[in-house]
Amino acid sequence: MGVLIVFIWVVVIALWFFGIVCAGAYACRLGRSMGTFAFLAFLCSPFIVAFLLFMLGETDEHRKTRIIEEEKWRRSCGTETSQHNEEQKENIVDILG
């Protein structure tokens, strides 16, 4: 019986630390301080901190950076697609000609 209790506590502690890491990673993804929110998750609860991060959302600076990167990516995809379409048209002309 004692071994089972120890095993359960080990699993609970492992899940607690996994939650702390997840809360820190989520904070980093939102442009917030990973260490600060991981420490808060350690002190209280990873669930509470994750909910707090959800309510706070991403920072304005992080949002601007993300939008600029997405726009660059979208434009590069559009350029690649148009080049690919032109190559296909040339191949069709070669096949038909």
PDB file of N, CA and C in Angstrom:
ATOM      1  N   MET A   1       0.820  -1.198   0.000  1.00  0.00           N
ATOM      2  CA  MET A   1       0.000   0.000   0.000  1.00  0.00           C
ATOM      3  C   MET A   1       0.865   1.263   0.000  1.00  0.00           C
ATOM      4  N   GLY A   2       1.971   1.217   0.745  1.00  0.00           N
ATOM      5  CA  GLY A   2       2.847   2.375   0.838  1.00  0.00           C
ATOM      6  C   GLY A   2       3.503   2.708  -0.492  1.00  0.00           C
ATOM      7  N   VAL A   3       3.828   1.678  -1.281  1.00  0.00           N
ATOM      8  CA  VAL A   3       4.457   1.896  -2.579  1.00  0.00           C
ATOM      9  C   VAL A   3       3.485   2.592  -3.531  1.00  0.00           C
ATOM     10  N   LEU A   4       2.232   2.216  -3.460  1.00  0.00           N
ATOM     11  CA  LEU A   4       1.213   2.834  -4.308  1.00  0.00           C
ATOM     12  C   LEU A   4       1.047   4.316  -3.981  1.00  0.00           C
ATOM     13  N   ILE A   5       1.066   4.657  -2.716  1.00  0.00           N
ATOM     14  CA  ILE A   5       0.929   6.064  -2.302  1.00  0.00           C
ATOM     15  C   ILE A   5       2.125   6.873  -2.786  1.00  0.00           C
ATOM     16  N   VAL A   6       3.317   6.310  -2.643  1.00  0.00           N
ATOM     17  CA  VAL A   6       4.522   6.994  -3.133  1.00  0.00           C
ATOM     18  C   VAL A   6       4.441   7.182  -4.635  1.00  0.00           C
ATOM     19  N   PHE A   7       4.004   6.160  -5.358  1.00  0.00           N
ATOM     20  CA  PHE A   7       3.872   6.253  -6.817  1.00  0.00           C
ATOM     21  C   PHE A   7       2.877   7.344  -7.211  1.00  0.00           C
ATOM     22  N   ILE A   8       1.757   7.412  -6.517  1.00  0.00           N
ATOM     23  CA  ILE A   8       0.752   8.438  -6.810  1.00  0.00           C
ATOM     24  C   ILE A   8       1.326   9.826  -6.574  1.00  0.00           C
ATOM     25  N   TRP A   9       2.067  10.013  -5.466  1.00  0.00           N
ATOM     26  CA  TRP A   9       2.676  11.319  -5.195  1.00  0.00           C
ATOM     27  C   TRP A   9       3.710  11.685  -6.250  1.00  0.00           C
ATOM     28  N   VAL A  10       4.477  10.721  -6.708  1.00  0.00           N
ATOM     29  CA  VAL A  10       5.475  10.979  -7.756  1.00  0.00           C
ATOM     30  C   VAL A  10       4.770  11.420  -9.036  1.00  0.00           C
ATOM     31  N   VAL A  11       3.685  10.763  -9.380  1.00  0.00           N
ATOM     32  CA  VAL A  11       2.929  11.137 -10.581  1.00  0.00           C
ATOM     33  C   VAL A  11       2.332  12.534 -10.432  1.00  0.00           C
ATOM     34  N   VAL A  12       1.780  12.839  -9.272  1.00  0.00           N
ATOM     35  CA  VAL A  12       1.182  14.160  -9.039  1.00  0.00           C
ATOM     36  C   VAL A  12       2.246  15.246  -9.146  1.00  0.00           C
ATOM     37  N   ILE A  13       3.400  15.029  -8.544  1.00  0.00           N
ATOM     38  CA  ILE A  13       4.482  16.019  -8.602  1.00  0.00           C
ATOM     39  C   ILE A  13       4.997  16.172 -10.034  1.00  0.00           C
ATOM     40  N   ALA A  14       5.127  15.067 -10.761  1.00  0.00           N
ATOM     41  CA  ALA A  14       5.569  15.135 -12.160  1.00  0.00           C
ATOM     42  C   ALA A  14       4.573  15.924 -13.002  1.00  0.00           C
ATOM     43  N   LEU A  15       3.282  15.689 -12.789  1.00  0.00           N
ATOM     44  CA  LEU A  15       2.259  16.433 -13.532  1.00  0.00           C
ATOM     45  C   LEU A  15       2.268  17.910 -13.147  1.00  0.00           C
ATOM     46  N   TRP A  16       2.529  18.197 -11.882  1.00  0.00           N
ATOM     47  CA  TRP A  16       2.599  19.588 -11.417  1.00  0.00           C
ATOM     48  C   TRP A  16       3.735  20.311 -12.144  1.00  0.00           C
ATOM     49  N   PHE A  17       4.918  19.688 -12.208  1.00  0.00           N
ATOM     50  CA  PHE A  17       6.048  20.319 -12.893  1.00  0.00           C
ATOM     51  C   PHE A  17       5.824  20.404 -14.397  1.00  0.00           C
ATOM     52  N   PHE A  18       5.142  19.421 -14.965  1.00  0.00           N
ATOM     53  CA  PHE A  18       4.784  19.496 -16.384  1.00  0.00           C
ATOM     54  C   PHE A  18       3.856  20.682 -16.625  1.00  0.00           C
ATOM     55  N   GLY A  19       2.923  20.906 -15.713  1.00  0.00           N
ATOM     56  CA  GLY A  19       2.026  22.061 -15.815  1.00  0.00           C
ATOM     57  C   GLY A  19       2.782  23.374 -15.710  1.00  0.00           C
ATOM     58  N   ILE A  20       3.804  23.412 -14.853  1.00  0.00           N
ATOM     59  CA  ILE A  20       4.625  24.615 -14.717  1.00  0.00           C
ATOM     60  C   ILE A  20       5.347  24.905 -16.029  1.00  0.00           C
ATOM     61  N   VAL A  21       5.922  23.875 -16.634  1.00  0.00           N
ATOM     62  CA  VAL A  21       6.621  24.047 -17.917  1.00  0.00           C
ATOM     63  C   VAL A  21       5.642  24.499 -19.000  1.00  0.00           C
ATOM     64  N   CYS A  22       4.469  23.914 -19.030  1.00  0.00           N
ATOM     65  CA  CYS A  22       3.461  24.306 -20.027  1.00  0.00           C
ATOM     66  C   CYS A  22       3.008  25.749 -19.833  1.00  0.00           C
ATOM     67  N   ALA A  23       2.822  26.165 -18.594  1.00  0.00           N
ATOM     68  CA  ALA A  23       2.427  27.552 -18.319  1.00  0.00           C
ATOM     69  C   ALA A  23       3.525  28.507 -18.767  1.00  0.00           C
ATOM     70  N   GLY A  24       4.779  28.155 -18.517  1.00  0.00           N
ATOM     71  CA  GLY A  24       5.894  28.991 -18.957  1.00  0.00           C
ATOM     72  C   GLY A  24       5.987  29.073 -20.471  1.00  0.00           C
ATOM     73  N   ALA A  25       5.790  27.945 -21.147  1.00  0.00           N
ATOM     74  CA  ALA A  25       5.832  27.930 -22.607  1.00  0.00           C
ATOM     75  C   ALA A  25       4.682  28.749 -23.195  1.00  0.00           C
ATOM     76  N   TYR A  26       3.517  28.667 -22.577  1.00  0.00           N
ATOM     77  CA  TYR A  26       2.359  29.436 -23.038  1.00  0.00           C
ATOM     78  C   TYR A  26       2.607  30.927 -22.859  1.00  0.00           C
ATOM     79  N   ALA A  27       3.232  31.294 -21.741  1.00  0.00           N
ATOM     80  CA  ALA A  27       3.576  32.698 -21.506  1.00  0.00           C
ATOM     81  C   ALA A  27       4.555  33.188 -22.565  1.00  0.00           C
ATOM     82  N   CYS A  28       5.535  32.389 -22.883  1.00  0.00           N
ATOM     83  CA  CYS A  28       6.521  32.758 -23.899  1.00  0.00           C
ATOM     84  C   CYS A  28       5.840  32.921 -25.261  1.00  0.00           C
ATOM     85  N   ARG A  29       4.912  32.033 -25.580  1.00  0.00           N
ATOM     86  CA  ARG A  29       4.197  32.117 -26.852  1.00  0.00           C
ATOM     87  C   ARG A  29       3.359  33.387 -26.963  1.00  0.00           C
ATOM     88  N   LEU A  30       2.918  33.903 -25.822  1.00  0.00           N
ATOM     89  CA  LEU A  30       2.121  35.121 -25.817  1.00  0.00           C
ATOM     90  C   LEU A  30       2.975  36.376 -25.692  1.00  0.00           C
ATOM     91  N   GLY A  31       4.300  36.207 -25.651  1.00  0.00           N
ATOM     92  CA  GLY A  31       5.188  37.357 -25.544  1.00  0.00           C
ATOM     93  C   GLY A  31       5.350  37.860 -24.123  1.00  0.00           C
ATOM     94  N   ARG A  32       5.102  37.018 -23.172  1.00  0.00           N
ATOM     95  CA  ARG A  32       5.222  37.394 -21.767  1.00  0.00           C
ATOM     96  C   ARG A  32       6.409  36.663 -21.138  1.00  0.00           C
ATOM     97  N   SER A  33       6.796  37.059 -19.949  1.00  0.00           N
ATOM     98  CA  SER A  33       7.975  36.507 -19.276  1.00  0.00           C
ATOM     99  C   SER A  33       7.740  35.056 -18.865  1.00  0.00           C
ATOM    100  N   MET A  34       8.542  34.181 -19.446  1.00  0.00           N
ATOM    101  CA  MET A  34       8.404  32.765 -19.156  1.00  0.00           C
ATOM    102  C   MET A  34       8.723  32.468 -17.689  1.00  0.00           C
ATOM    103  N   GLY A  35       9.806  33.026 -17.189  1.00  0.00           N
ATOM    104  CA  GLY A  35      10.225  32.759 -15.817  1.00  0.00           C
ATOM    105  C   GLY A  35       9.236  33.242 -14.777  1.00  0.00           C
ATOM    106  N   THR A  36       8.702  34.419 -15.004  1.00  0.00           N
ATOM    107  CA  THR A  36       7.753  34.987 -14.044  1.00  0.00           C
ATOM    108  C   THR A  36       6.508  34.121 -13.915  1.00  0.00           C
ATOM    109  N   PHE A  37       5.960  33.733 -15.050  1.00  0.00           N
ATOM    110  CA  PHE A  37       4.721  32.955 -14.995  1.00  0.00           C
ATOM    111  C   PHE A  37       4.976  31.511 -14.578  1.00  0.00           C
ATOM    112  N   ALA A  38       6.156  30.975 -14.875  1.00  0.00           N
ATOM    113  CA  ALA A  38       6.493  29.636 -14.379  1.00  0.00           C
ATOM    114  C   ALA A  38       6.630  29.676 -12.854  1.00  0.00           C
ATOM    115  N   PHE A  39       7.230  30.737 -12.331  1.00  0.00           N
ATOM    116  CA  PHE A  39       7.354  30.882 -10.880  1.00  0.00           C
ATOM    117  C   PHE A  39       5.977  31.024 -10.223  1.00  0.00           C
ATOM    118  N   LEU A  40       5.104  31.823 -10.851  1.00  0.00           N
ATOM    119  CA  LEU A  40       3.738  31.952 -10.319  1.00  0.00           C
ATOM    120  C   LEU A  40       3.019  30.601 -10.340  1.00  0.00           C
ATOM    121  N   ALA A  41       3.237  29.822 -11.406  1.00  0.00           N
ATOM    122  CA  ALA A  41       2.611  28.504 -11.491  1.00  0.00           C
ATOM    123  C   ALA A  41       3.153  27.578 -10.404  1.00  0.00           C
ATOM    124  N   PHE A  42       4.430  27.735 -10.091  1.00  0.00           N
ATOM    125  CA  PHE A  42       5.023  26.933  -9.024  1.00  0.00           C
ATOM    126  C   PHE A  42       4.419  27.298  -7.671  1.00  0.00           C
ATOM    127  N   LEU A  43       4.203  28.589  -7.448  1.00  0.00           N
ATOM    128  CA  LEU A  43       3.680  29.044  -6.163  1.00  0.00           C
ATOM    129  C   LEU A  43       2.214  28.701  -5.953  1.00  0.00           C
ATOM    130  N   CYS A  44       1.391  28.928  -6.969  1.00  0.00           N
ATOM    131  CA  CYS A  44      -0.047  28.671  -6.769  1.00  0.00           C
ATOM    132  C   CYS A  44      -0.468  27.431  -7.552  1.00  0.00           C
ATOM    133  N   SER A  45      -0.873  27.602  -8.787  1.00  0.00           N
ATOM    134  CA  SER A  45      -1.348  26.466  -9.571  1.00  0.00           C
ATOM    135  C   SER A  45      -1.121  26.735 -11.057  1.00  0.00           C
ATOM    136  N   PRO A  46      -0.626  25.741 -11.791  1.00  0.00           N
ATOM    137  CA  PRO A  46      -0.464  25.926 -13.232  1.00  0.00           C
ATOM    138  C   PRO A  46      -1.791  26.223 -13.934  1.00  0.00           C
ATOM    139  N   PHE A  47      -2.880  25.678 -13.419  1.00  0.00           N
ATOM    140  CA  PHE A  47      -4.190  25.908 -14.028  1.00  0.00           C
ATOM    141  C   PHE A  47      -4.628  27.366 -13.871  1.00  0.00           C
ATOM    142  N   ILE A  48      -4.400  27.908 -12.683  1.00  0.00           N
ATOM    143  CA  ILE A  48      -4.762  29.310 -12.435  1.00  0.00           C
ATOM    144  C   ILE A  48      -3.923  30.234 -13.311  1.00  0.00           C
ATOM    145  N   VAL A  49      -2.625  29.953 -13.406  1.00  0.00           N
ATOM    146  CA  VAL A  49      -1.735  30.788 -14.214  1.00  0.00           C
ATOM    147  C   VAL A  49      -2.087  30.679 -15.689  1.00  0.00           C
ATOM    148  N   ALA A  50      -2.411  29.487 -16.164  1.00  0.00           N
ATOM    149  CA  ALA A  50      -2.805  29.323 -17.569  1.00  0.00           C
ATOM    150  C   ALA A  50      -4.083  30.115 -17.859  1.00  0.00           C
ATOM    151  N   PHE A  51      -5.019  30.082 -16.932  1.00  0.00           N
ATOM    152  CA  PHE A  51      -6.246  30.856 -17.113  1.00  0.00           C
ATOM    153  C   PHE A  51      -5.949  32.354 -17.098  1.00  0.00           C
ATOM    154  N   LEU A  52      -5.067  32.776 -16.200  1.00  0.00           N
ATOM    155  CA  LEU A  52      -4.662  34.180 -16.143  1.00  0.00           C
ATOM    156  C   LEU A  52      -4.005  34.611 -17.465  1.00  0.00           C
ATOM    157  N   LEU A  53      -3.134  33.777 -17.990  1.00  0.00           N
ATOM    158  CA  LEU A  53      -2.497  34.084 -19.275  1.00  0.00           C
ATOM    159  C   LEU A  53      -3.528  34.152 -20.400  1.00  0.00           C
ATOM    160  N   PHE A  54      -4.486  33.250 -20.355  1.00  0.00           N
ATOM    161  CA  PHE A  54      -5.548  33.264 -21.357  1.00  0.00           C
ATOM    162  C   PHE A  54      -6.319  34.573 -21.310  1.00  0.00           C
ATOM    163  N   MET A  55      -6.593  35.041 -20.103  1.00  0.00           N
ATOM    164  CA  MET A  55      -7.334  36.293 -19.947  1.00  0.00           C
ATOM    165  C   MET A  55      -6.492  37.504 -20.369  1.00  0.00           C
ATOM    166  N   LEU A  56      -5.191  37.477 -20.097  1.00  0.00           N
ATOM    167  CA  LEU A  56      -4.324  38.593 -20.465  1.00  0.00           C
ATOM    168  C   LEU A  56      -4.079  38.653 -21.966  1.00  0.00           C
ATOM    169  N   GLY A  57      -3.965  37.516 -22.607  1.00  0.00           N
ATOM    170  CA  GLY A  57      -3.698  37.471 -24.043  1.00  0.00           C
ATOM    171  C   GLY A  57      -2.263  37.868 -24.353  1.00  0.00           C
ATOM    172  N   GLU A  58      -1.976  38.004 -25.652  1.00  0.00           N
ATOM    173  CA  GLU A  58      -0.607  38.342 -26.033  1.00  0.00           C
ATOM    174  C   GLU A  58      -0.367  39.844 -25.931  1.00  0.00           C
ATOM    175  N   THR A  59       0.894  40.220 -25.788  1.00  0.00           N
ATOM    176  CA  THR A  59       1.245  41.628 -25.674  1.00  0.00           C
ATOM    177  C   THR A  59       1.092  42.305 -27.027  1.00  0.00           C
ATOM    178  N   ASP A  60       0.897  43.608 -27.021  1.00  0.00           N
ATOM    179  CA  ASP A  60       0.732  44.347 -28.272  1.00  0.00           C
ATOM    180  C   ASP A  60       1.988  44.251 -29.133  1.00  0.00           C
ATOM    181  N   GLU A  61       3.151  44.341 -28.502  1.00  0.00           N
ATOM    182  CA  GLU A  61       4.409  44.254 -29.247  1.00  0.00           C
ATOM    183  C   GLU A  61       4.550  42.886 -29.910  1.00  0.00           C
ATOM    184  N   HIS A  62       4.213  41.835 -29.180  1.00  0.00           N
ATOM    185  CA  HIS A  62       4.294  40.486 -29.742  1.00  0.00           C
ATOM    186  C   HIS A  62       3.287  40.317 -30.881  1.00  0.00           C
ATOM    187  N   ARG A  63       2.098  40.881 -30.722  1.00  0.00           N
ATOM    188  CA  ARG A  63       1.074  40.791 -31.757  1.00  0.00           C
ATOM    189  C   ARG A  63       1.541  41.473 -33.040  1.00  0.00           C
ATOM    190  N   LYS A  64       2.154  42.664 -32.911  1.00  0.00           N
ATOM    191  CA  LYS A  64       2.654  43.366 -34.095  1.00  0.00           C
ATOM    192  C   LYS A  64       3.736  42.564 -34.795  1.00  0.00           C
ATOM    193  N   THR A  65       4.662  42.014 -34.028  1.00  0.00           N
ATOM    194  CA  THR A  65       5.737  41.208 -34.606  1.00  0.00           C
ATOM    195  C   THR A  65       5.177  39.989 -35.319  1.00  0.00           C
ATOM    196  N   ARG A  66       4.203  39.321 -34.697  1.00  0.00           N
ATOM    197  CA  ARG A  66       3.594  38.129 -35.303  1.00  0.00           C
ATOM    198  C   ARG A  66       2.878  38.476 -36.602  1.00  0.00           C
ATOM    199  N   ILE A  67       2.169  39.592 -36.624  1.00  0.00           N
ATOM    200  CA  ILE A  67       1.439  39.990 -37.825  1.00  0.00           C
ATOM    201  C   ILE A  67       2.407  40.315 -38.954  1.00  0.00           C
ATOM    202  N   ILE A  68       3.500  40.996 -38.641  1.00  0.00           N
ATOM    203  CA  ILE A  68       4.504  41.318 -39.669  1.00  0.00           C
ATOM    204  C   ILE A  68       5.114  40.035 -40.236  1.00  0.00           C
ATOM    205  N   GLU A  69       5.460  39.084 -39.373  1.00  0.00           N
ATOM    206  CA  GLU A  69       6.024  37.815 -39.841  1.00  0.00           C
ATOM    207  C   GLU A  69       5.028  37.039 -40.693  1.00  0.00           C
ATOM    208  N   GLU A  70       3.761  37.022 -40.292  1.00  0.00           N
ATOM    209  CA  GLU A  70       2.742  36.328 -41.077  1.00  0.00           C
ATOM    210  C   GLU A  70       2.540  36.978 -42.439  1.00  0.00           C
ATOM    211  N   GLU A  71       2.610  38.303 -42.475  1.00  0.00           N
ATOM    212  CA  GLU A  71       2.450  39.004 -43.751  1.00  0.00           C
ATOM    213  C   GLU A  71       3.616  38.702 -44.690  1.00  0.00           C
ATOM    214  N   LYS A  72       4.836  38.675 -44.147  1.00  0.00           N
ATOM    215  CA  LYS A  72       6.007  38.311 -44.964  1.00  0.00           C
ATOM    216  C   LYS A  72       5.854  36.898 -45.508  1.00  0.00           C
ATOM    217  N   TRP A  73       5.383  35.991 -44.653  1.00  0.00           N
ATOM    218  CA  TRP A  73       5.194  34.610 -45.071  1.00  0.00           C
ATOM    219  C   TRP A  73       4.119  34.514 -46.158  1.00  0.00           C
ATOM    220  N   ARG A  74       3.018  35.259 -45.961  1.00  0.00           N
ATOM    221  CA  ARG A  74       1.930  35.233 -46.952  1.00  0.00           C
ATOM    222  C   ARG A  74       2.410  35.742 -48.292  1.00  0.00           C
ATOM    223  N   ARG A  75       3.193  36.823 -48.291  1.00  0.00           N
ATOM    224  CA  ARG A  75       3.703  37.361 -49.550  1.00  0.00           C
ATOM    225  C   ARG A  75       4.663  36.408 -50.221  1.00  0.00           C
ATOM    226  N   SER A  76       5.505  35.728 -49.448  1.00  0.00           N
ATOM    227  CA  SER A  76       6.444  34.782 -50.054  1.00  0.00           C
ATOM    228  C   SER A  76       5.695  33.589 -50.641  1.00  0.00           C
ATOM    229  N   CYS A  77       4.617  33.167 -49.984  1.00  0.00           N
ATOM    230  CA  CYS A  77       3.811  32.067 -50.530  1.00  0.00           C
ATOM    231  C   CYS A  77       3.134  32.496 -51.821  1.00  0.00           C
ATOM    232  N   GLY A  78       2.643  33.727 -51.868  1.00  0.00           N
ATOM    233  CA  GLY A  78       2.017  34.230 -53.090  1.00  0.00           C
ATOM    234  C   GLY A  78       3.001  34.298 -54.238  1.00  0.00           C
ATOM    235  N   THR A  79       4.238  34.699 -53.977  1.00  0.00           N
ATOM    236  CA  THR A  79       5.269  34.769 -55.015  1.00  0.00           C
ATOM    237  C   THR A  79       5.607  33.381 -55.515  1.00  0.00           C
ATOM    238  N   GLU A  80       5.767  32.431 -54.604  1.00  0.00           N
ATOM    239  CA  GLU A  80       6.078  31.057 -54.998  1.00  0.00           C
ATOM    240  C   GLU A  80       4.943  30.457 -55.813  1.00  0.00           C
ATOM    241  N   THR A  81       3.709  30.734 -55.434  1.00  0.00           N
ATOM    242  CA  THR A  81       2.554  30.198 -56.149  1.00  0.00           C
ATOM    243  C   THR A  81       2.477  30.769 -57.560  1.00  0.00           C
ATOM    244  N   SER A  82       2.697  32.075 -57.700  1.00  0.00           N
ATOM    245  CA  SER A  82       2.632  32.674 -59.027  1.00  0.00           C
ATOM    246  C   SER A  82       3.762  32.152 -59.916  1.00  0.00           C
ATOM    247  N   GLN A  83       4.945  31.939 -59.369  1.00  0.00           N
ATOM    248  CA  GLN A  83       6.045  31.375 -60.146  1.00  0.00           C
ATOM    249  C   GLN A  83       5.721  29.955 -60.570  1.00  0.00           C
ATOM    250  N   HIS A  84       5.119  29.186 -59.664  1.00  0.00           N
ATOM    251  CA  HIS A  84       4.747  27.806 -59.980  1.00  0.00           C
ATOM    252  C   HIS A  84       3.683  27.778 -61.084  1.00  0.00           C
ATOM    253  N   ASN A  85       2.712  28.696 -61.033  1.00  0.00           N
ATOM    254  CA  ASN A  85       1.670  28.765 -62.057  1.00  0.00           C
ATOM    255  C   ASN A  85       2.261  29.113 -63.423  1.00  0.00           C
ATOM    256  N   GLU A  86       3.223  30.033 -63.440  1.00  0.00           N
ATOM    257  CA  GLU A  86       3.861  30.396 -64.707  1.00  0.00           C
ATOM    258  C   GLU A  86       4.634  29.219 -65.283  1.00  0.00           C
ATOM    259  N   GLU A  87       5.294  28.442 -64.449  1.00  0.00           N
ATOM    260  CA  GLU A  87       6.010  27.255 -64.909  1.00  0.00           C
ATOM    261  C   GLU A  87       5.043  26.229 -65.476  1.00  0.00           C
ATOM    262  N   GLN A  88       3.891  26.062 -64.847  1.00  0.00           N
ATOM    263  CA  GLN A  88       2.900  25.122 -65.356  1.00  0.00           C
ATOM    264  C   GLN A  88       2.363  25.578 -66.704  1.00  0.00           C
ATOM    265  N   LYS A  89       2.130  26.885 -66.863  1.00  0.00           N
ATOM    266  CA  LYS A  89       1.655  27.396 -68.148  1.00  0.00           C
ATOM    267  C   LYS A  89       2.691  27.147 -69.229  1.00  0.00           C
ATOM    268  N   GLU A  90       3.977  27.352 -68.923  1.00  0.00           N
ATOM    269  CA  GLU A  90       5.030  27.086 -69.904  1.00  0.00           C
ATOM    270  C   GLU A  90       5.074  25.616 -70.261  1.00  0.00           C
ATOM    271  N   ASN A  91       4.899  24.726 -69.287  1.00  0.00           N
ATOM    272  CA  ASN A  91       4.909  23.297 -69.564  1.00  0.00           C
ATOM    273  C   ASN A  91       3.736  22.907 -70.457  1.00  0.00           C
ATOM    274  N   ILE A  92       2.570  23.490 -70.209  1.00  0.00           N
ATOM    275  CA  ILE A  92       1.398  23.193 -71.032  1.00  0.00           C
ATOM    276  C   ILE A  92       1.624  23.671 -72.454  1.00  0.00           C
ATOM    277  N   VAL A  93       2.205  24.875 -72.612  1.00  0.00           N
ATOM    278  CA  VAL A  93       2.495  25.400 -73.946  1.00  0.00           C
ATOM    279  C   VAL A  93       3.492  24.491 -74.649  1.00  0.00           C
ATOM    280  N   ASP A  94       4.499  23.999 -73.951  1.00  0.00           N
ATOM    281  CA  ASP A  94       5.480  23.098 -74.556  1.00  0.00           C
ATOM    282  C   ASP A  94       4.835  21.791 -74.982  1.00  0.00           C
ATOM    283  N   ILE A  95       3.935  21.267 -74.161  1.00  0.00           N
ATOM    284  CA  ILE A  95       3.266  20.006 -74.481  1.00  0.00           C
ATOM    285  C   ILE A  95       2.348  20.180 -75.691  1.00  0.00           C
ATOM    286  N   LEU A  96       1.595  21.281 -75.720  1.00  0.00           N
ATOM    287  CA  LEU A  96       0.658  21.520 -76.809  1.00  0.00           C
ATOM    288  C   LEU A  96       1.374  21.932 -78.094  1.00  0.00           C
ATOM    289  N   GLY A  97       2.540  22.590 -77.958  1.00  0.00           N
ATOM    290  CA  GLY A  97       3.243  23.146 -79.119  1.00  0.00           C
ATOM    291  C   GLY A  97       4.092  22.184 -79.813  1.00  0.00           C
TER     292      GLY A  97
END
